[in-house]
Amino acid sequence: MATSLFFLVPAVVLVGLVLPLWLVLHYMTGWREQKRSGGIDSATLGDIETTARRLEDRIASLERVLDAEDPAWREKA
């Protein structure tokens, strides 16, 4: 009886107190990390905007070239 009580008390303390506290703290840390790194920063957003403008310029240039070479290319597509 004394031996089983020797193992039972630490097991109850571990499962009843330590494990729930550890789980709560673990997930709180994960939620904080997601908040901090979840959004797109302004530098990345600026790079995306610059790339989009360059691609729009390329498309406009290609359309001008195609209009000069074959004015009816839009109707063919």
PDB file of N, CA and C in Angstrom:
ATOM      1  N   MET A   1       0.825  -1.201   0.000  1.00  0.00           N
ATOM      2  CA  MET A   1       0.000   0.000   0.000  1.00  0.00           C
ATOM      3  C   MET A   1       0.861   1.254   0.000  1.00  0.00           C
ATOM      4  N   ALA A   2       1.926   1.247   0.771  1.00  0.00           N
ATOM      5  CA  ALA A   2       2.801   2.410   0.865  1.00  0.00           C
ATOM      6  C   ALA A   2       3.527   2.645  -0.457  1.00  0.00           C
ATOM      7  N   THR A   3       3.872   1.562  -1.137  1.00  0.00           N
ATOM      8  CA  THR A   3       4.572   1.687  -2.410  1.00  0.00           C
ATOM      9  C   THR A   3       3.644   2.259  -3.479  1.00  0.00           C
ATOM     10  N   SER A   4       2.403   1.801  -3.516  1.00  0.00           N
ATOM     11  CA  SER A   4       1.471   2.318  -4.512  1.00  0.00           C
ATOM     12  C   SER A   4       1.121   3.775  -4.234  1.00  0.00           C
ATOM     13  N   LEU A   5       1.057   4.158  -2.954  1.00  0.00           N
ATOM     14  CA  LEU A   5       0.807   5.543  -2.593  1.00  0.00           C
ATOM     15  C   LEU A   5       1.991   6.420  -2.973  1.00  0.00           C
ATOM     16  N   PHE A   6       3.191   5.837  -2.878  1.00  0.00           N
ATOM     17  CA  PHE A   6       4.421   6.551  -3.238  1.00  0.00           C
ATOM     18  C   PHE A   6       4.412   6.938  -4.713  1.00  0.00           C
ATOM     19  N   PHE A   7       3.841   6.101  -5.560  1.00  0.00           N
ATOM     20  CA  PHE A   7       3.762   6.407  -6.993  1.00  0.00           C
ATOM     21  C   PHE A   7       2.477   7.137  -7.372  1.00  0.00           C
ATOM     22  N   LEU A   8       1.436   6.945  -6.604  1.00  0.00           N
ATOM     23  CA  LEU A   8       0.138   7.532  -6.922  1.00  0.00           C
ATOM     24  C   LEU A   8       0.115   9.044  -6.681  1.00  0.00           C
ATOM     25  N   VAL A   9       0.685   9.501  -5.596  1.00  0.00           N
ATOM     26  CA  VAL A   9       0.661  10.934  -5.257  1.00  0.00           C
ATOM     27  C   VAL A   9       1.409  11.767  -6.303  1.00  0.00           C
ATOM     28  N   PRO A  10       2.643  11.421  -6.686  1.00  0.00           N
ATOM     29  CA  PRO A  10       3.302  12.214  -7.739  1.00  0.00           C
ATOM     30  C   PRO A  10       2.577  12.143  -9.091  1.00  0.00           C
ATOM     31  N   ALA A  11       1.961  11.004  -9.388  1.00  0.00           N
ATOM     32  CA  ALA A  11       1.237  10.880 -10.650  1.00  0.00           C
ATOM     33  C   ALA A  11       0.017  11.791 -10.660  1.00  0.00           C
ATOM     34  N   VAL A  12      -0.693  11.865  -9.568  1.00  0.00           N
ATOM     35  CA  VAL A  12      -1.859  12.745  -9.482  1.00  0.00           C
ATOM     36  C   VAL A  12      -1.433  14.205  -9.568  1.00  0.00           C
ATOM     37  N   VAL A  13      -0.357  14.572  -8.898  1.00  0.00           N
ATOM     38  CA  VAL A  13       0.148  15.949  -8.963  1.00  0.00           C
ATOM     39  C   VAL A  13       0.580  16.285 -10.385  1.00  0.00           C
ATOM     40  N   LEU A  14       1.241  15.353 -11.029  1.00  0.00           N
ATOM     41  CA  LEU A  14       1.700  15.583 -12.402  1.00  0.00           C
ATOM     42  C   LEU A  14       0.519  15.757 -13.349  1.00  0.00           C
ATOM     43  N   VAL A  15      -0.432  14.864 -13.286  1.00  0.00           N
ATOM     44  CA  VAL A  15      -1.565  14.910 -14.213  1.00  0.00           C
ATOM     45  C   VAL A  15      -2.521  16.038 -13.853  1.00  0.00           C
ATOM     46  N   GLY A  16      -2.670  16.338 -12.575  1.00  0.00           N
ATOM     47  CA  GLY A  16      -3.646  17.340 -12.153  1.00  0.00           C
ATOM     48  C   GLY A  16      -3.153  18.763 -12.209  1.00  0.00           C
ATOM     49  N   LEU A  17      -1.861  18.986 -12.022  1.00  0.00           N
ATOM     50  CA  LEU A  17      -1.354  20.363 -11.961  1.00  0.00           C
ATOM     51  C   LEU A  17      -0.324  20.685 -13.048  1.00  0.00           C
ATOM     52  N   VAL A  18       0.688  19.870 -13.147  1.00  0.00           N
ATOM     53  CA  VAL A  18       1.808  20.189 -14.032  1.00  0.00           C
ATOM     54  C   VAL A  18       1.409  20.078 -15.504  1.00  0.00           C
ATOM     55  N   LEU A  19       0.757  19.014 -15.875  1.00  0.00           N
ATOM     56  CA  LEU A  19       0.405  18.800 -17.275  1.00  0.00           C
ATOM     57  C   LEU A  19      -0.541  19.873 -17.824  1.00  0.00           C
ATOM     58  N   PRO A  20      -1.636  20.226 -17.146  1.00  0.00           N
ATOM     59  CA  PRO A  20      -2.493  21.299 -17.674  1.00  0.00           C
ATOM     60  C   PRO A  20      -1.784  22.653 -17.747  1.00  0.00           C
ATOM     61  N   LEU A  21      -0.973  22.956 -16.751  1.00  0.00           N
ATOM     62  CA  LEU A  21      -0.232  24.221 -16.779  1.00  0.00           C
ATOM     63  C   LEU A  21       0.742  24.256 -17.942  1.00  0.00           C
ATOM     64  N   TRP A  22       1.439  23.141 -18.162  1.00  0.00           N
ATOM     65  CA  TRP A  22       2.373  23.079 -19.274  1.00  0.00           C
ATOM     66  C   TRP A  22       1.647  23.242 -20.607  1.00  0.00           C
ATOM     67  N   LEU A  23       0.506  22.599 -20.781  1.00  0.00           N
ATOM     68  CA  LEU A  23      -0.247  22.709 -22.027  1.00  0.00           C
ATOM     69  C   LEU A  23      -0.719  24.138 -22.278  1.00  0.00           C
ATOM     70  N   VAL A  24      -1.234  24.795 -21.253  1.00  0.00           N
ATOM     71  CA  VAL A  24      -1.706  26.175 -21.407  1.00  0.00           C
ATOM     72  C   VAL A  24      -0.555  27.084 -21.793  1.00  0.00           C
ATOM     73  N   LEU A  25       0.554  26.980 -21.107  1.00  0.00           N
ATOM     74  CA  LEU A  25       1.707  27.839 -21.415  1.00  0.00           C
ATOM     75  C   LEU A  25       2.269  27.534 -22.800  1.00  0.00           C
ATOM     76  N   HIS A  26       2.275  26.276 -23.184  1.00  0.00           N
ATOM     77  CA  HIS A  26       2.775  25.894 -24.500  1.00  0.00           C
ATOM     78  C   HIS A  26       1.944  26.541 -25.611  1.00  0.00           C
ATOM     79  N   TYR A  27       0.624  26.437 -25.511  1.00  0.00           N
ATOM     80  CA  TYR A  27      -0.232  26.995 -26.553  1.00  0.00           C
ATOM     81  C   TYR A  27      -0.262  28.519 -26.516  1.00  0.00           C
ATOM     82  N   MET A  28      -0.125  29.135 -25.351  1.00  0.00           N
ATOM     83  CA  MET A  28      -0.070  30.596 -25.288  1.00  0.00           C
ATOM     84  C   MET A  28       1.166  31.109 -26.018  1.00  0.00           C
ATOM     85  N   THR A  29       2.292  30.414 -25.850  1.00  0.00           N
ATOM     86  CA  THR A  29       3.513  30.805 -26.547  1.00  0.00           C
ATOM     87  C   THR A  29       3.328  30.663 -28.060  1.00  0.00           C
ATOM     88  N   GLY A  30       2.689  29.590 -28.496  1.00  0.00           N
ATOM     89  CA  GLY A  30       2.440  29.395 -29.929  1.00  0.00           C
ATOM     90  C   GLY A  30       1.535  30.469 -30.496  1.00  0.00           C
ATOM     91  N   TRP A  31       0.507  30.874 -29.744  1.00  0.00           N
ATOM     92  CA  TRP A  31      -0.406  31.923 -30.218  1.00  0.00           C
ATOM     93  C   TRP A  31       0.317  33.251 -30.340  1.00  0.00           C
ATOM     94  N   ARG A  32       1.189  33.544 -29.404  1.00  0.00           N
ATOM     95  CA  ARG A  32       1.961  34.798 -29.481  1.00  0.00           C
ATOM     96  C   ARG A  32       2.870  34.812 -30.703  1.00  0.00           C
ATOM     97  N   GLU A  33       3.508  33.674 -30.981  1.00  0.00           N
ATOM     98  CA  GLU A  33       4.382  33.586 -32.152  1.00  0.00           C
ATOM     99  C   GLU A  33       3.595  33.794 -33.439  1.00  0.00           C
ATOM    100  N   GLN A  34       2.406  33.229 -33.506  1.00  0.00           N
ATOM    101  CA  GLN A  34       1.585  33.396 -34.705  1.00  0.00           C
ATOM    102  C   GLN A  34       1.179  34.845 -34.891  1.00  0.00           C
ATOM    103  N   LYS A  35       0.838  35.524 -33.809  1.00  0.00           N
ATOM    104  CA  LYS A  35       0.464  36.935 -33.917  1.00  0.00           C
ATOM    105  C   LYS A  35       1.634  37.764 -34.415  1.00  0.00           C
ATOM    106  N   ARG A  36       2.802  37.469 -33.878  1.00  0.00           N
ATOM    107  CA  ARG A  36       3.973  38.262 -34.207  1.00  0.00           C
ATOM    108  C   ARG A  36       4.425  38.052 -35.652  1.00  0.00           C
ATOM    109  N   SER A  37       4.406  36.815 -36.125  1.00  0.00           N
ATOM    110  CA  SER A  37       4.931  36.531 -37.462  1.00  0.00           C
ATOM    111  C   SER A  37       3.839  36.258 -38.484  1.00  0.00           C
ATOM    112  N   GLY A  38       2.583  36.423 -38.121  1.00  0.00           N
ATOM    113  CA  GLY A  38       1.486  36.066 -39.017  1.00  0.00           C
ATOM    114  C   GLY A  38       1.260  37.059 -40.137  1.00  0.00           C
ATOM    115  N   GLY A  39       1.450  38.345 -39.899  1.00  0.00           N
ATOM    116  CA  GLY A  39       1.161  39.344 -40.909  1.00  0.00           C
ATOM    117  C   GLY A  39       2.306  39.546 -41.873  1.00  0.00           C
ATOM    118  N   ILE A  40       1.978  40.106 -43.012  1.00  0.00           N
ATOM    119  CA  ILE A  40       3.003  40.434 -44.001  1.00  0.00           C
ATOM    120  C   ILE A  40       3.605  41.770 -43.606  1.00  0.00           C
ATOM    121  N   ASP A  41       4.916  41.816 -43.509  1.00  0.00           N
ATOM    122  CA  ASP A  41       5.551  43.077 -43.138  1.00  0.00           C
ATOM    123  C   ASP A  41       5.577  44.031 -44.324  1.00  0.00           C
ATOM    124  N   SER A  42       5.856  45.276 -44.042  1.00  0.00           N
ATOM    125  CA  SER A  42       5.763  46.319 -45.074  1.00  0.00           C
ATOM    126  C   SER A  42       6.824  46.148 -46.158  1.00  0.00           C
ATOM    127  N   ALA A  43       7.988  45.619 -45.812  1.00  0.00           N
ATOM    128  CA  ALA A  43       9.030  45.417 -46.823  1.00  0.00           C
ATOM    129  C   ALA A  43       8.592  44.375 -47.844  1.00  0.00           C
ATOM    130  N   THR A  44       8.013  43.291 -47.383  1.00  0.00           N
ATOM    131  CA  THR A  44       7.532  42.253 -48.293  1.00  0.00           C
ATOM    132  C   THR A  44       6.394  42.784 -49.153  1.00  0.00           C
ATOM    133  N   LEU A  45       5.510  43.546 -48.544  1.00  0.00           N
ATOM    134  CA  LEU A  45       4.397  44.130 -49.292  1.00  0.00           C
ATOM    135  C   LEU A  45       4.910  45.096 -50.358  1.00  0.00           C
ATOM    136  N   GLY A  46       5.923  45.876 -50.037  1.00  0.00           N
ATOM    137  CA  GLY A  46       6.527  46.785 -51.015  1.00  0.00           C
ATOM    138  C   GLY A  46       7.169  46.033 -52.167  1.00  0.00           C
ATOM    139  N   ASP A  47       7.848  44.919 -51.862  1.00  0.00           N
ATOM    140  CA  ASP A  47       8.454  44.105 -52.912  1.00  0.00           C
ATOM    141  C   ASP A  47       7.392  43.520 -53.840  1.00  0.00           C
ATOM    142  N   ILE A  48       6.299  43.066 -53.261  1.00  0.00           N
ATOM    143  CA  ILE A  48       5.213  42.510 -54.068  1.00  0.00           C
ATOM    144  C   ILE A  48       4.628  43.584 -54.969  1.00  0.00           C
ATOM    145  N   GLU A  49       4.450  44.783 -54.431  1.00  0.00           N
ATOM    146  CA  GLU A  49       3.894  45.886 -55.226  1.00  0.00           C
ATOM    147  C   GLU A  49       4.827  46.272 -56.367  1.00  0.00           C
ATOM    148  N   THR A  50       6.123  46.322 -56.092  1.00  0.00           N
ATOM    149  CA  THR A  50       7.105  46.657 -57.129  1.00  0.00           C
ATOM    150  C   THR A  50       7.099  45.612 -58.239  1.00  0.00           C
ATOM    151  N   THR A  51       7.049  44.343 -57.847  1.00  0.00           N
ATOM    152  CA  THR A  51       7.024  43.268 -58.837  1.00  0.00           C
ATOM    153  C   THR A  51       5.762  43.341 -59.685  1.00  0.00           C
ATOM    154  N   ALA A  52       4.628  43.635 -59.058  1.00  0.00           N
ATOM    155  CA  ALA A  52       3.371  43.731 -59.804  1.00  0.00           C
ATOM    156  C   ALA A  52       3.422  44.884 -60.804  1.00  0.00           C
ATOM    157  N   ARG A  53       3.978  46.007 -60.410  1.00  0.00           N
ATOM    158  CA  ARG A  53       4.088  47.142 -61.356  1.00  0.00           C
ATOM    159  C   ARG A  53       5.005  46.806 -62.524  1.00  0.00           C
ATOM    160  N   ARG A  54       6.131  46.128 -62.242  1.00  0.00           N
ATOM    161  CA  ARG A  54       7.028  45.745 -63.326  1.00  0.00           C
ATOM    162  C   ARG A  54       6.339  44.787 -64.294  1.00  0.00           C
ATOM    163  N   LEU A  55       5.562  43.843 -63.750  1.00  0.00           N
ATOM    164  CA  LEU A  55       4.843  42.910 -64.620  1.00  0.00           C
ATOM    165  C   LEU A  55       3.784  43.628 -65.457  1.00  0.00           C
ATOM    166  N   GLU A  56       3.098  44.593 -64.874  1.00  0.00           N
ATOM    167  CA  GLU A  56       2.117  45.376 -65.642  1.00  0.00           C
ATOM    168  C   GLU A  56       2.806  46.146 -66.769  1.00  0.00           C
ATOM    169  N   ASP A  57       3.978  46.704 -66.499  1.00  0.00           N
ATOM    170  CA  ASP A  57       4.728  47.414 -67.542  1.00  0.00           C
ATOM    171  C   ASP A  57       5.136  46.464 -68.663  1.00  0.00           C
ATOM    172  N   ARG A  58       5.558  45.259 -68.296  1.00  0.00           N
ATOM    173  CA  ARG A  58       5.942  44.281 -69.318  1.00  0.00           C
ATOM    174  C   ARG A  58       4.752  43.902 -70.191  1.00  0.00           C
ATOM    175  N   ILE A  59       3.608  43.685 -69.563  1.00  0.00           N
ATOM    176  CA  ILE A  59       2.416  43.322 -70.331  1.00  0.00           C
ATOM    177  C   ILE A  59       2.025  44.454 -71.276  1.00  0.00           C
ATOM    178  N   ALA A  60       2.095  45.691 -70.789  1.00  0.00           N
ATOM    179  CA  ALA A  60       1.766  46.836 -71.642  1.00  0.00           C
ATOM    180  C   ALA A  60       2.733  46.924 -72.820  1.00  0.00           C
ATOM    181  N   SER A  61       4.019  46.669 -72.561  1.00  0.00           N
ATOM    182  CA  SER A  61       5.007  46.699 -73.649  1.00  0.00           C
ATOM    183  C   SER A  61       4.737  45.594 -74.663  1.00  0.00           C
ATOM    184  N   LEU A  62       4.429  44.401 -74.188  1.00  0.00           N
ATOM    185  CA  LEU A  62       4.131  43.304 -75.106  1.00  0.00           C
ATOM    186  C   LEU A  62       2.886  43.587 -75.935  1.00  0.00           C
ATOM    187  N   GLU A  63       1.879  44.182 -75.327  1.00  0.00           N
ATOM    188  CA  GLU A  63       0.668  44.512 -76.071  1.00  0.00           C
ATOM    189  C   GLU A  63       0.944  45.565 -77.139  1.00  0.00           C
ATOM    190  N   ARG A  64       1.809  46.533 -76.833  1.00  0.00           N
ATOM    191  CA  ARG A  64       2.171  47.541 -77.848  1.00  0.00           C
ATOM    192  C   ARG A  64       2.897  46.902 -79.013  1.00  0.00           C
ATOM    193  N   VAL A  65       3.808  45.987 -78.721  1.00  0.00           N
ATOM    194  CA  VAL A  65       4.551  45.306 -79.783  1.00  0.00           C
ATOM    195  C   VAL A  65       3.600  44.470 -80.632  1.00  0.00           C
ATOM    196  N   LEU A  66       2.718  43.741 -79.986  1.00  0.00           N
ATOM    197  CA  LEU A  66       1.767  42.918 -80.743  1.00  0.00           C
ATOM    198  C   LEU A  66       0.804  43.772 -81.550  1.00  0.00           C
ATOM    199  N   ASP A  67       0.373  44.909 -81.000  1.00  0.00           N
ATOM    200  CA  ASP A  67      -0.504  45.813 -81.759  1.00  0.00           C
ATOM    201  C   ASP A  67       0.207  46.356 -82.988  1.00  0.00           C
ATOM    202  N   ALA A  68       1.505  46.629 -82.884  1.00  0.00           N
ATOM    203  CA  ALA A  68       2.263  47.153 -84.019  1.00  0.00           C
ATOM    204  C   ALA A  68       2.465  46.077 -85.087  1.00  0.00           C
ATOM    205  N   GLU A  69       2.696  44.837 -84.665  1.00  0.00           N
ATOM    206  CA  GLU A  69       2.958  43.774 -85.636  1.00  0.00           C
ATOM    207  C   GLU A  69       1.678  43.198 -86.241  1.00  0.00           C
ATOM    208  N   ASP A  70       0.663  42.990 -85.407  1.00  0.00           N
ATOM    209  CA  ASP A  70      -0.575  42.373 -85.877  1.00  0.00           C
ATOM    210  C   ASP A  70      -1.743  43.007 -85.125  1.00  0.00           C
ATOM    211  N   PRO A  71      -2.400  44.016 -85.714  1.00  0.00           N
ATOM    212  CA  PRO A  71      -3.456  44.717 -85.000  1.00  0.00           C
ATOM    213  C   PRO A  71      -4.655  43.842 -84.637  1.00  0.00           C
ATOM    214  N   ALA A  72      -4.843  42.723 -85.294  1.00  0.00           N
ATOM    215  CA  ALA A  72      -6.012  41.882 -85.030  1.00  0.00           C
ATOM    216  C   ALA A  72      -5.697  40.724 -84.086  1.00  0.00           C
ATOM    217  N   TRP A  73      -4.608  40.793 -83.361  1.00  0.00           N
ATOM    218  CA  TRP A  73      -4.217  39.679 -82.496  1.00  0.00           C
ATOM    219  C   TRP A  73      -5.202  39.459 -81.352  1.00  0.00           C
ATOM    220  N   ARG A  74      -5.870  40.517 -80.911  1.00  0.00           N
ATOM    221  CA  ARG A  74      -6.824  40.367 -79.791  1.00  0.00           C
ATOM    222  C   ARG A  74      -8.060  39.577 -80.233  1.00  0.00           C
ATOM    223  N   GLU A  75      -8.451  39.733 -81.473  1.00  0.00           N
ATOM    224  CA  GLU A  75      -9.626  39.037 -81.981  1.00  0.00           C
ATOM    225  C   GLU A  75      -9.342  37.555 -82.213  1.00  0.00           C
ATOM    226  N   LYS A  76      -8.087  37.210 -82.453  1.00  0.00           N
ATOM    227  CA  LYS A  76      -7.709  35.816 -82.709  1.00  0.00           C
ATOM    228  C   LYS A  76      -7.723  35.004 -81.411  1.00  0.00           C
ATOM    229  N   ALA A  77      -7.457  35.636 -80.316  1.00  0.00           N
ATOM    230  CA  ALA A  77      -7.318  34.897 -79.052  1.00  0.00           C
ATOM    231  C   ALA A  77      -8.605  34.526 -78.431  1.00  0.00           C
TER     232      ALA A  77
END
